[in-house]
Every structure is written in C-alpha cells, then in structure tokens.
Amino acid sequence: MQVLKSITNQKMAWSLAEIAEATGLSLNFLRYEERRGNIKSVRFGRRVLILNDEMRRYLTEGSVGGQSLESGISNE
C-alpha cells in the first residue's frame, strides 16, 4: 500500500508551461529547446510532456548553443 501511495503522489511528467512556471524559464525558450531536441519530450496527440527524469537532466546539465554547460566550462 505504501508503494502505491508513493507512486501516485510523484509527478511523472511535466508540461512545458509547468516547467516554465516552476523554473522561471520562458515558455518560448523551452519550446525552442524542445524543438531543437535539447529537451526530449513525449507526445500524446497535441500534448507535449517532459518526463521527470528528462526535466532533471536538462536542468542539471543545461544547454548553451546545443552543448552541455558542463562541456563549456574549463578548469583553468
């Protein structure tokens, strides 16, 4: 019973509008990133959803000019 309760309380996917509201990133920027393939999405009809793991990956790694932020940082 505890596992079922845990699963139903966890958000599995986010809309781009929800991510924009939660992060402060603009909806247009997030749509652009999704179209470029920097944010992987799943589609259900016209609805675009970002899975929770993908949202965390994107927010952790980021994207600048199609490259991960981590790859552009030097340790000089």
PDB file of N, CA and C in Angstrom:
ATOM      1  N   MET A   1       0.822  -1.196   0.000  1.00  0.00           N
ATOM      2  CA  MET A   1       0.000   0.000   0.000  1.00  0.00           C
ATOM      3  C   MET A   1       0.865   1.259   0.000  1.00  0.00           C
ATOM      4  N   GLN A   2       1.983   1.226   0.744  1.00  0.00           N
ATOM      5  CA  GLN A   2       2.880   2.373   0.827  1.00  0.00           C
ATOM      6  C   GLN A   2       3.485   2.697  -0.543  1.00  0.00           C
ATOM      7  N   VAL A   3       3.868   1.681  -1.301  1.00  0.00           N
ATOM      8  CA  VAL A   3       4.465   1.883  -2.622  1.00  0.00           C
ATOM      9  C   VAL A   3       3.460   2.539  -3.557  1.00  0.00           C
ATOM     10  N   LEU A   4       2.226   2.061  -3.567  1.00  0.00           N
ATOM     11  CA  LEU A   4       1.194   2.632  -4.425  1.00  0.00           C
ATOM     12  C   LEU A   4       0.963   4.098  -4.091  1.00  0.00           C
ATOM     13  N   LYS A   5       0.924   4.420  -2.822  1.00  0.00           N
ATOM     14  CA  LYS A   5       0.730   5.806  -2.395  1.00  0.00           C
ATOM     15  C   LYS A   5       1.892   6.673  -2.868  1.00  0.00           C
ATOM     16  N   SER A   6       3.118   6.152  -2.783  1.00  0.00           N
ATOM     17  CA  SER A   6       4.301   6.880  -3.216  1.00  0.00           C
ATOM     18  C   SER A   6       4.274   7.142  -4.717  1.00  0.00           C
ATOM     19  N   ILE A   7       3.895   6.143  -5.492  1.00  0.00           N
ATOM     20  CA  ILE A   7       3.842   6.284  -6.944  1.00  0.00           C
ATOM     21  C   ILE A   7       2.793   7.310  -7.356  1.00  0.00           C
ATOM     22  N   THR A   8       1.639   7.277  -6.771  1.00  0.00           N
ATOM     23  CA  THR A   8       0.569   8.182  -7.172  1.00  0.00           C
ATOM     24  C   THR A   8       0.829   9.612  -6.728  1.00  0.00           C
ATOM     25  N   ASN A   9       1.691   9.825  -5.731  1.00  0.00           N
ATOM     26  CA  ASN A   9       1.994  11.181  -5.276  1.00  0.00           C
ATOM     27  C   ASN A   9       3.156  11.810  -6.037  1.00  0.00           C
ATOM     28  N   GLN A  10       3.903  11.031  -6.793  1.00  0.00           N
ATOM     29  CA  GLN A  10       5.031  11.561  -7.547  1.00  0.00           C
ATOM     30  C   GLN A  10       4.580  11.995  -8.928  1.00  0.00           C
ATOM     31  N   LYS A  11       5.036  13.170  -9.333  1.00  0.00           N
ATOM     32  CA  LYS A  11       4.732  13.671 -10.669  1.00  0.00           C
ATOM     33  C   LYS A  11       5.669  12.979 -11.655  1.00  0.00           C
ATOM     34  N   MET A  12       5.106  12.351 -12.676  1.00  0.00           N
ATOM     35  CA  MET A  12       5.918  11.584 -13.635  1.00  0.00           C
ATOM     36  C   MET A  12       6.289  12.395 -14.867  1.00  0.00           C
ATOM     37  N   ALA A  13       5.481  13.402 -15.200  1.00  0.00           N
ATOM     38  CA  ALA A  13       5.734  14.199 -16.406  1.00  0.00           C
ATOM     39  C   ALA A  13       5.227  15.617 -16.184  1.00  0.00           C
ATOM     40  N   TRP A  14       5.841  16.538 -16.902  1.00  0.00           N
ATOM     41  CA  TRP A  14       5.520  17.957 -16.794  1.00  0.00           C
ATOM     42  C   TRP A  14       5.210  18.529 -18.169  1.00  0.00           C
ATOM     43  N   SER A  15       4.305  19.468 -18.228  1.00  0.00           N
ATOM     44  CA  SER A  15       4.104  20.218 -19.467  1.00  0.00           C
ATOM     45  C   SER A  15       5.175  21.308 -19.513  1.00  0.00           C
ATOM     46  N   LEU A  16       5.423  21.852 -20.684  1.00  0.00           N
ATOM     47  CA  LEU A  16       6.399  22.932 -20.802  1.00  0.00           C
ATOM     48  C   LEU A  16       5.965  24.145 -19.985  1.00  0.00           C
ATOM     49  N   ALA A  17       4.663  24.410 -19.931  1.00  0.00           N
ATOM     50  CA  ALA A  17       4.152  25.541 -19.145  1.00  0.00           C
ATOM     51  C   ALA A  17       4.427  25.337 -17.659  1.00  0.00           C
ATOM     52  N   GLU A  18       4.295  24.106 -17.171  1.00  0.00           N
ATOM     53  CA  GLU A  18       4.581  23.821 -15.765  1.00  0.00           C
ATOM     54  C   GLU A  18       6.058  24.012 -15.455  1.00  0.00           C
ATOM     55  N   ILE A  19       6.928  23.585 -16.380  1.00  0.00           N
ATOM     56  CA  ILE A  19       8.366  23.767 -16.184  1.00  0.00           C
ATOM     57  C   ILE A  19       8.714  25.252 -16.190  1.00  0.00           C
ATOM     58  N   ALA A  20       8.107  26.001 -17.111  1.00  0.00           N
ATOM     59  CA  ALA A  20       8.353  27.441 -17.182  1.00  0.00           C
ATOM     60  C   ALA A  20       7.958  28.119 -15.869  1.00  0.00           C
ATOM     61  N   GLU A  21       6.811  27.766 -15.352  1.00  0.00           N
ATOM     62  CA  GLU A  21       6.339  28.366 -14.101  1.00  0.00           C
ATOM     63  C   GLU A  21       7.248  27.990 -12.928  1.00  0.00           C
ATOM     64  N   ALA A  22       7.674  26.739 -12.884  1.00  0.00           N
ATOM     65  CA  ALA A  22       8.483  26.260 -11.764  1.00  0.00           C
ATOM     66  C   ALA A  22       9.914  26.796 -11.796  1.00  0.00           C
ATOM     67  N   THR A  23      10.453  27.062 -12.988  1.00  0.00           N
ATOM     68  CA  THR A  23      11.866  27.439 -13.107  1.00  0.00           C
ATOM     69  C   THR A  23      12.103  28.911 -13.407  1.00  0.00           C
ATOM     70  N   GLY A  24      11.100  29.576 -13.955  1.00  0.00           N
ATOM     71  CA  GLY A  24      11.301  30.959 -14.365  1.00  0.00           C
ATOM     72  C   GLY A  24      11.837  31.086 -15.780  1.00  0.00           C
ATOM     73  N   LEU A  25      12.094  29.961 -16.453  1.00  0.00           N
ATOM     74  CA  LEU A  25      12.492  29.995 -17.868  1.00  0.00           C
ATOM     75  C   LEU A  25      11.262  30.332 -18.697  1.00  0.00           C
ATOM     76  N   SER A  26      11.454  31.020 -19.806  1.00  0.00           N
ATOM     77  CA  SER A  26      10.291  31.397 -20.616  1.00  0.00           C
ATOM     78  C   SER A  26       9.740  30.185 -21.371  1.00  0.00           C
ATOM     79  N   LEU A  27       8.445  30.198 -21.580  1.00  0.00           N
ATOM     80  CA  LEU A  27       7.787  29.120 -22.310  1.00  0.00           C
ATOM     81  C   LEU A  27       8.312  29.052 -23.739  1.00  0.00           C
ATOM     82  N   ASN A  28       8.534  30.201 -24.371  1.00  0.00           N
ATOM     83  CA  ASN A  28       9.069  30.208 -25.736  1.00  0.00           C
ATOM     84  C   ASN A  28      10.451  29.576 -25.799  1.00  0.00           C
ATOM     85  N   PHE A  29      11.305  29.865 -24.814  1.00  0.00           N
ATOM     86  CA  PHE A  29      12.640  29.270 -24.782  1.00  0.00           C
ATOM     87  C   PHE A  29      12.545  27.755 -24.623  1.00  0.00           C
ATOM     88  N   LEU A  30      11.685  27.291 -23.724  1.00  0.00           N
ATOM     89  CA  LEU A  30      11.532  25.851 -23.519  1.00  0.00           C
ATOM     90  C   LEU A  30      10.991  25.163 -24.771  1.00  0.00           C
ATOM     91  N   ARG A  31      10.057  25.801 -25.473  1.00  0.00           N
ATOM     92  CA  ARG A  31       9.543  25.238 -26.737  1.00  0.00           C
ATOM     93  C   ARG A  31      10.665  25.146 -27.770  1.00  0.00           C
ATOM     94  N   TYR A  32      11.484  26.187 -27.845  1.00  0.00           N
ATOM     95  CA  TYR A  32      12.625  26.201 -28.762  1.00  0.00           C
ATOM     96  C   TYR A  32      13.586  25.056 -28.444  1.00  0.00           C
ATOM     97  N   GLU A  33      13.914  24.890 -27.178  1.00  0.00           N
ATOM     98  CA  GLU A  33      14.813  23.824 -26.754  1.00  0.00           C
ATOM     99  C   GLU A  33      14.223  22.451 -27.080  1.00  0.00           C
ATOM    100  N   GLU A  34      12.929  22.286 -26.887  1.00  0.00           N
ATOM    101  CA  GLU A  34      12.270  21.008 -27.189  1.00  0.00           C
ATOM    102  C   GLU A  34      12.303  20.731 -28.690  1.00  0.00           C
ATOM    103  N   ARG A  35      12.032  21.746 -29.495  1.00  0.00           N
ATOM    104  CA  ARG A  35      12.064  21.563 -30.963  1.00  0.00           C
ATOM    105  C   ARG A  35      13.462  21.235 -31.459  1.00  0.00           C
ATOM    106  N   ARG A  36      14.486  21.810 -30.847  1.00  0.00           N
ATOM    107  CA  ARG A  36      15.878  21.543 -31.238  1.00  0.00           C
ATOM    108  C   ARG A  36      16.365  20.191 -30.746  1.00  0.00           C
ATOM    109  N   GLY A  37      15.601  19.552 -29.869  1.00  0.00           N
ATOM    110  CA  GLY A  37      15.998  18.250 -29.364  1.00  0.00           C
ATOM    111  C   GLY A  37      16.842  18.308 -28.105  1.00  0.00           C
ATOM    112  N   ASN A  38      17.027  19.495 -27.537  1.00  0.00           N
ATOM    113  CA  ASN A  38      17.799  19.627 -26.306  1.00  0.00           C
ATOM    114  C   ASN A  38      17.018  19.152 -25.084  1.00  0.00           C
ATOM    115  N   ILE A  39      15.696  19.177 -25.193  1.00  0.00           N
ATOM    116  CA  ILE A  39      14.826  18.598 -24.171  1.00  0.00           C
ATOM    117  C   ILE A  39      14.033  17.500 -24.867  1.00  0.00           C
ATOM    118  N   LYS A  40      14.180  16.276 -24.415  1.00  0.00           N
ATOM    119  CA  LYS A  40      13.447  15.158 -25.019  1.00  0.00           C
ATOM    120  C   LYS A  40      12.031  15.143 -24.474  1.00  0.00           C
ATOM    121  N   SER A  41      11.077  14.966 -25.373  1.00  0.00           N
ATOM    122  CA  SER A  41       9.671  15.000 -24.969  1.00  0.00           C
ATOM    123  C   SER A  41       8.937  13.768 -25.479  1.00  0.00           C
ATOM    124  N   VAL A  42       7.773  13.562 -24.919  1.00  0.00           N
ATOM    125  CA  VAL A  42       6.845  12.547 -25.416  1.00  0.00           C
ATOM    126  C   VAL A  42       5.559  13.286 -25.767  1.00  0.00           C
ATOM    127  N   ARG A  43       4.915  12.820 -26.798  1.00  0.00           N
ATOM    128  CA  ARG A  43       3.693  13.481 -27.255  1.00  0.00           C
ATOM    129  C   ARG A  43       2.510  12.537 -27.151  1.00  0.00           C
ATOM    130  N   PHE A  44       1.420  13.101 -26.680  1.00  0.00           N
ATOM    131  CA  PHE A  44       0.139  12.407 -26.631  1.00  0.00           C
ATOM    132  C   PHE A  44      -0.829  13.304 -27.378  1.00  0.00           C
ATOM    133  N   GLY A  45      -1.019  12.981 -28.670  1.00  0.00           N
ATOM    134  CA  GLY A  45      -1.802  13.886 -29.510  1.00  0.00           C
ATOM    135  C   GLY A  45      -1.035  15.184 -29.654  1.00  0.00           C
ATOM    136  N   ARG A  46      -1.663  16.294 -29.286  1.00  0.00           N
ATOM    137  CA  ARG A  46      -1.001  17.602 -29.362  1.00  0.00           C
ATOM    138  C   ARG A  46      -0.282  17.972 -28.071  1.00  0.00           C
ATOM    139  N   ARG A  47      -0.490  17.183 -27.049  1.00  0.00           N
ATOM    140  CA  ARG A  47       0.101  17.485 -25.742  1.00  0.00           C
ATOM    141  C   ARG A  47       1.565  17.036 -25.706  1.00  0.00           C
ATOM    142  N   VAL A  48       2.435  17.947 -25.296  1.00  0.00           N
ATOM    143  CA  VAL A  48       3.865  17.682 -25.184  1.00  0.00           C
ATOM    144  C   VAL A  48       4.195  17.555 -23.700  1.00  0.00           C
ATOM    145  N   LEU A  49       4.776  16.429 -23.323  1.00  0.00           N
ATOM    146  CA  LEU A  49       5.151  16.215 -21.924  1.00  0.00           C
ATOM    147  C   LEU A  49       6.636  15.903 -21.825  1.00  0.00           C
ATOM    148  N   ILE A  50       7.223  16.361 -20.740  1.00  0.00           N
ATOM    149  CA  ILE A  50       8.619  16.093 -20.445  1.00  0.00           C
ATOM    150  C   ILE A  50       8.633  15.190 -19.217  1.00  0.00           C
ATOM    151  N   LEU A  51       9.233  14.011 -19.353  1.00  0.00           N
ATOM    152  CA  LEU A  51       9.302  13.092 -18.226  1.00  0.00           C
ATOM    153  C   LEU A  51      10.177  13.680 -17.120  1.00  0.00           C
ATOM    154  N   ASN A  52       9.865  13.334 -15.893  1.00  0.00           N
ATOM    155  CA  ASN A  52      10.547  13.889 -14.733  1.00  0.00           C
ATOM    156  C   ASN A  52      12.068  13.715 -14.815  1.00  0.00           C
ATOM    157  N   ASP A  53      12.543  12.539 -15.192  1.00  0.00           N
ATOM    158  CA  ASP A  53      13.991  12.300 -15.300  1.00  0.00           C
ATOM    159  C   ASP A  53      14.636  13.217 -16.338  1.00  0.00           C
ATOM    160  N   GLU A  54      13.948  13.441 -17.454  1.00  0.00           N
ATOM    161  CA  GLU A  54      14.472  14.314 -18.505  1.00  0.00           C
ATOM    162  C   GLU A  54      14.519  15.765 -18.028  1.00  0.00           C
ATOM    163  N   MET A  55      13.485  16.190 -17.304  1.00  0.00           N
ATOM    164  CA  MET A  55      13.471  17.551 -16.787  1.00  0.00           C
ATOM    165  C   MET A  55      14.651  17.761 -15.840  1.00  0.00           C
ATOM    166  N   ARG A  56      14.895  16.792 -14.962  1.00  0.00           N
ATOM    167  CA  ARG A  56      16.021  16.904 -14.033  1.00  0.00           C
ATOM    168  C   ARG A  56      17.361  16.912 -14.780  1.00  0.00           C
ATOM    169  N   ARG A  57      17.492  16.066 -15.801  1.00  0.00           N
ATOM    170  CA  ARG A  57      18.722  16.032 -16.596  1.00  0.00           C
ATOM    171  C   ARG A  57      18.973  17.386 -17.252  1.00  0.00           C
ATOM    172  N   TYR A  58      17.946  17.933 -17.890  1.00  0.00           N
ATOM    173  CA  TYR A  58      18.100  19.202 -18.594  1.00  0.00           C
ATOM    174  C   TYR A  58      18.451  20.329 -17.627  1.00  0.00           C
ATOM    175  N   LEU A  59      17.767  20.392 -16.500  1.00  0.00           N
ATOM    176  CA  LEU A  59      18.026  21.463 -15.545  1.00  0.00           C
ATOM    177  C   LEU A  59      19.390  21.321 -14.886  1.00  0.00           C
ATOM    178  N   THR A  60      19.900  20.105 -14.791  1.00  0.00           N
ATOM    179  CA  THR A  60      21.221  19.881 -14.210  1.00  0.00           C
ATOM    180  C   THR A  60      22.323  20.204 -15.214  1.00  0.00           C
ATOM    181  N   GLU A  61      22.169  19.719 -16.442  1.00  0.00           N
ATOM    182  CA  GLU A  61      23.207  19.898 -17.457  1.00  0.00           C
ATOM    183  C   GLU A  61      23.081  21.214 -18.196  1.00  0.00           C
ATOM    184  N   GLY A  62      21.840  21.657 -18.436  1.00  0.00           N
ATOM    185  CA  GLY A  62      21.621  22.878 -19.193  1.00  0.00           C
ATOM    186  C   GLY A  62      21.971  22.713 -20.656  1.00  0.00           C
ATOM    187  N   SER A  63      21.880  23.804 -21.383  1.00  0.00           N
ATOM    188  CA  SER A  63      22.184  23.779 -22.810  1.00  0.00           C
ATOM    189  C   SER A  63      22.540  25.184 -23.257  1.00  0.00           C
ATOM    190  N   VAL A  64      23.689  25.321 -23.898  1.00  0.00           N
ATOM    191  CA  VAL A  64      24.110  26.598 -24.457  1.00  0.00           C
ATOM    192  C   VAL A  64      24.585  26.327 -25.865  1.00  0.00           C
ATOM    193  N   GLY A  65      23.897  26.859 -26.848  1.00  0.00           N
ATOM    194  CA  GLY A  65      24.302  26.653 -28.236  1.00  0.00           C
ATOM    195  C   GLY A  65      24.329  25.196 -28.623  1.00  0.00           C
ATOM    196  N   GLY A  66      23.452  24.392 -28.029  1.00  0.00           N
ATOM    197  CA  GLY A  66      23.380  22.982 -28.358  1.00  0.00           C
ATOM    198  C   GLY A  66      24.386  22.121 -27.620  1.00  0.00           C
ATOM    199  N   GLN A  67      25.207  22.744 -26.738  1.00  0.00           N
ATOM    200  CA  GLN A  67      26.191  21.980 -25.978  1.00  0.00           C
ATOM    201  C   GLN A  67      25.817  22.018 -24.507  1.00  0.00           C
ATOM    202  N   SER A  68      26.196  20.996 -23.798  1.00  0.00           N
ATOM    203  CA  SER A  68      26.006  20.952 -22.358  1.00  0.00           C
ATOM    204  C   SER A  68      26.829  22.057 -21.711  1.00  0.00           C
ATOM    205  N   LEU A  69      26.283  22.679 -20.669  1.00  0.00           N
ATOM    206  CA  LEU A  69      27.046  23.697 -19.943  1.00  0.00           C
ATOM    207  C   LEU A  69      28.347  23.130 -19.400  1.00  0.00           C
ATOM    208  N   GLU A  70      28.309  21.868 -18.956  1.00  0.00           N
ATOM    209  CA  GLU A  70      29.495  21.237 -18.382  1.00  0.00           C
ATOM    210  C   GLU A  70      30.634  21.141 -19.384  1.00  0.00           C
ATOM    211  N   SER A  71      30.316  20.930 -20.670  1.00  0.00           N
ATOM    212  CA  SER A  71      31.376  20.775 -21.662  1.00  0.00           C
ATOM    213  C   SER A  71      32.029  22.112 -22.003  1.00  0.00           C
ATOM    214  N   GLY A  72      31.379  23.226 -21.681  1.00  0.00           N
ATOM    215  CA  GLY A  72      31.932  24.535 -21.982  1.00  0.00           C
ATOM    216  C   GLY A  72      32.706  25.157 -20.835  1.00  0.00           C
ATOM    217  N   ILE A  73      32.788  24.470 -19.709  1.00  0.00           N
ATOM    218  CA  ILE A  73      33.477  25.010 -18.532  1.00  0.00           C
ATOM    219  C   ILE A  73      34.911  24.501 -18.514  1.00  0.00           C
ATOM    220  N   SER A  74      35.845  25.422 -18.384  1.00  0.00           N
ATOM    221  CA  SER A  74      37.236  24.989 -18.297  1.00  0.00           C
ATOM    222  C   SER A  74      37.712  25.180 -16.860  1.00  0.00           C
ATOM    223  N   ASN A  75      38.681  24.399 -16.461  1.00  0.00           N
ATOM    224  CA  ASN A  75      39.226  24.462 -15.096  1.00  0.00           C
ATOM    225  C   ASN A  75      40.566  25.171 -15.065  1.00  0.00           C
ATOM    226  N   GLU A  76      40.714  26.256 -15.789  1.00  0.00           N
ATOM    227  CA  GLU A  76      41.995  26.972 -15.826  1.00  0.00           C
ATOM    228  C   GLU A  76      42.131  27.867 -14.624  1.00  0.00           C
TER     229      GLU A  76
END
